[in-house]
């Protein structure tokens, strides 16, 4: 009986250890039914997991600058699409198309990015 329990625990341990774990947060805070198109200057670029982030200054109404936080994809997904850590640098002029936050604050979920040299593609 004792050996049956040990075998059972070992089997459960192996099953848990080998089971793939897929977790991800929701994008429910973004309005995925609309896009916002913007141009601006990169003020920060963070090439990191679980998501890359770019912060850019956008000149809005009455010439008032606003910093937007732009959430990109994970590094492996971005790399597969040809993006690298050096694709976007501080001071670069970029244009983006992204899903805005439902709350209306200056942040969005990337859709597309166009760099100053004309490189264009999906950044999510």
Protein backbone atom coordinates (compact mmCIF):
# COMPACT_ATOMS: atom_id res chain seq x y z
CA UNK A 1 0.00 0.00 0.00
CA UNK A 2 2.81 2.38 0.86
CA UNK A 3 4.49 1.77 -2.51
CA UNK A 4 1.14 2.40 -4.27
CA UNK A 5 0.90 5.79 -2.57
CA UNK A 6 4.44 6.67 -3.55
CA UNK A 7 3.79 5.64 -7.16
CA UNK A 8 0.61 7.73 -7.11
CA UNK A 9 2.46 10.79 -5.80
CA UNK A 10 5.21 10.31 -8.36
CA UNK A 11 2.65 10.01 -11.18
CA UNK A 12 0.87 13.17 -10.03
CA UNK A 13 4.19 15.00 -9.70
CA UNK A 14 5.27 14.00 -13.20
CA UNK A 15 1.89 15.01 -14.63
CA UNK A 16 2.07 18.43 -13.00
CA UNK A 17 5.73 18.94 -13.91
CA UNK A 18 5.26 18.05 -17.58
CA UNK A 19 1.93 19.83 -18.04
CA UNK A 20 2.36 22.98 -20.13
CA UNK A 21 1.22 26.06 -18.32
CA UNK A 22 -0.27 28.85 -20.41
CA UNK A 23 -1.27 32.03 -18.62
CA UNK A 24 -1.82 35.48 -19.90
CA UNK A 25 -3.63 38.54 -18.73
CA UNK A 26 -6.62 39.93 -20.53
CA UNK A 27 -6.59 42.91 -22.85
CA UNK A 28 -10.04 43.80 -21.51
CA UNK A 29 -8.85 47.25 -20.44
CA UNK A 30 -8.29 48.23 -24.09
CA UNK A 31 -11.00 49.12 -26.60
CA UNK A 32 -10.26 46.51 -29.25
CA UNK A 33 -13.04 47.81 -31.50
CA UNK A 34 -11.18 50.99 -32.46
CA UNK A 35 -7.73 52.22 -33.40
CA UNK A 36 -5.94 55.49 -32.67
CA UNK A 37 -3.33 56.76 -35.17
CA UNK A 38 -0.55 58.93 -33.75
CA UNK A 39 2.91 60.27 -34.51
CA UNK A 40 5.45 61.26 -31.94
CA UNK A 41 8.95 61.03 -30.52
CA UNK A 42 10.16 58.05 -28.49
CA UNK A 43 11.05 59.04 -24.92
CA UNK A 44 11.60 55.52 -23.52
CA UNK A 45 11.90 52.04 -25.00
CA UNK A 46 11.82 48.90 -22.85
CA UNK A 47 12.64 45.64 -24.64
CA UNK A 48 11.53 43.17 -21.96
CA UNK A 49 9.20 40.31 -21.20
CA UNK A 50 6.35 39.78 -20.83
CA UNK A 51 5.73 42.83 -23.09
CA UNK A 52 7.84 45.48 -24.75
CA UNK A 53 6.88 49.07 -23.90
CA UNK A 54 7.46 52.26 -25.81
CA UNK A 55 6.73 55.69 -24.41
CA UNK A 56 6.34 58.52 -26.86
CA UNK A 57 5.61 62.21 -26.71
CA UNK A 58 2.68 63.24 -28.87
CA UNK A 59 1.95 66.90 -29.54
CA UNK A 60 -1.79 67.31 -29.12
CA UNK A 61 -4.29 70.09 -29.26
CA UNK A 62 -2.95 73.59 -28.51
CA UNK A 63 0.61 72.21 -28.93
CA UNK A 64 0.43 70.47 -25.54
CA UNK A 65 2.75 67.43 -25.34
CA UNK A 66 1.42 64.21 -23.84
CA UNK A 67 3.40 61.07 -23.04
CA UNK A 68 1.69 57.91 -24.29
CA UNK A 69 2.50 54.43 -22.94
CA UNK A 70 2.35 51.83 -25.72
CA UNK A 71 2.18 48.14 -24.85
CA UNK A 72 3.75 45.81 -27.41
CA UNK A 73 4.05 42.08 -27.72
CA UNK A 74 6.43 39.67 -26.04
CA UNK A 75 10.05 39.55 -27.18
CA UNK A 76 9.86 36.19 -28.92
CA UNK A 77 6.78 37.24 -30.92
CA UNK A 78 8.36 40.57 -31.85
CA UNK A 79 11.61 38.86 -32.86
CA UNK A 80 9.73 36.47 -35.13
CA UNK A 81 8.24 39.52 -36.86
CA UNK A 82 11.70 40.99 -37.44
CA UNK A 83 11.81 43.55 -34.61
CA UNK A 84 14.92 43.89 -32.45
CA UNK A 85 15.93 45.88 -29.41
CA UNK A 86 17.55 48.39 -31.77
CA UNK A 87 14.50 48.85 -34.01
CA UNK A 88 13.20 51.73 -31.89
CA UNK A 89 15.45 54.10 -29.97
CA UNK A 90 14.97 57.14 -27.78
CA UNK A 91 14.57 60.23 -29.96
CA UNK A 92 13.17 58.32 -32.95
CA UNK A 93 10.13 59.75 -34.72
CA UNK A 94 7.54 56.99 -35.09
CA UNK A 95 3.92 56.61 -36.08
CA UNK A 96 1.63 54.04 -34.49
CA UNK A 97 -1.79 52.55 -34.81
CA UNK A 98 -3.05 51.13 -31.53
CA UNK A 99 -6.09 50.24 -29.41
CA UNK A 100 -6.72 52.93 -26.76
CA UNK A 101 -7.46 52.29 -23.11
CA UNK A 102 -11.17 52.28 -22.32
CA UNK A 103 -10.49 54.70 -19.47
CA UNK A 104 -9.33 57.36 -21.93
CA UNK A 105 -5.90 57.81 -20.38
CA UNK A 106 -2.91 58.14 -22.76
CA UNK A 107 -1.98 54.50 -23.22
CA UNK A 108 -2.74 51.89 -25.82
CA UNK A 109 -2.13 48.36 -27.04
CA UNK A 110 0.00 48.24 -30.15
CA UNK A 111 -1.31 47.25 -33.48
CA UNK A 112 1.21 48.65 -35.95
CA UNK A 113 4.41 50.66 -35.80
CA UNK A 114 6.24 52.63 -38.50
CA UNK A 115 9.78 53.77 -37.75
CA UNK A 116 11.52 56.86 -39.11
CA UNK A 117 13.35 54.78 -41.74
CA UNK A 118 10.05 53.46 -43.08
CA UNK A 119 10.13 50.03 -41.44
CA UNK A 120 6.52 49.11 -40.83
CA UNK A 121 4.88 46.14 -39.20
CA UNK A 122 2.78 44.61 -36.49
CA UNK A 123 4.20 45.26 -33.02
CA UNK A 124 2.03 42.90 -31.01
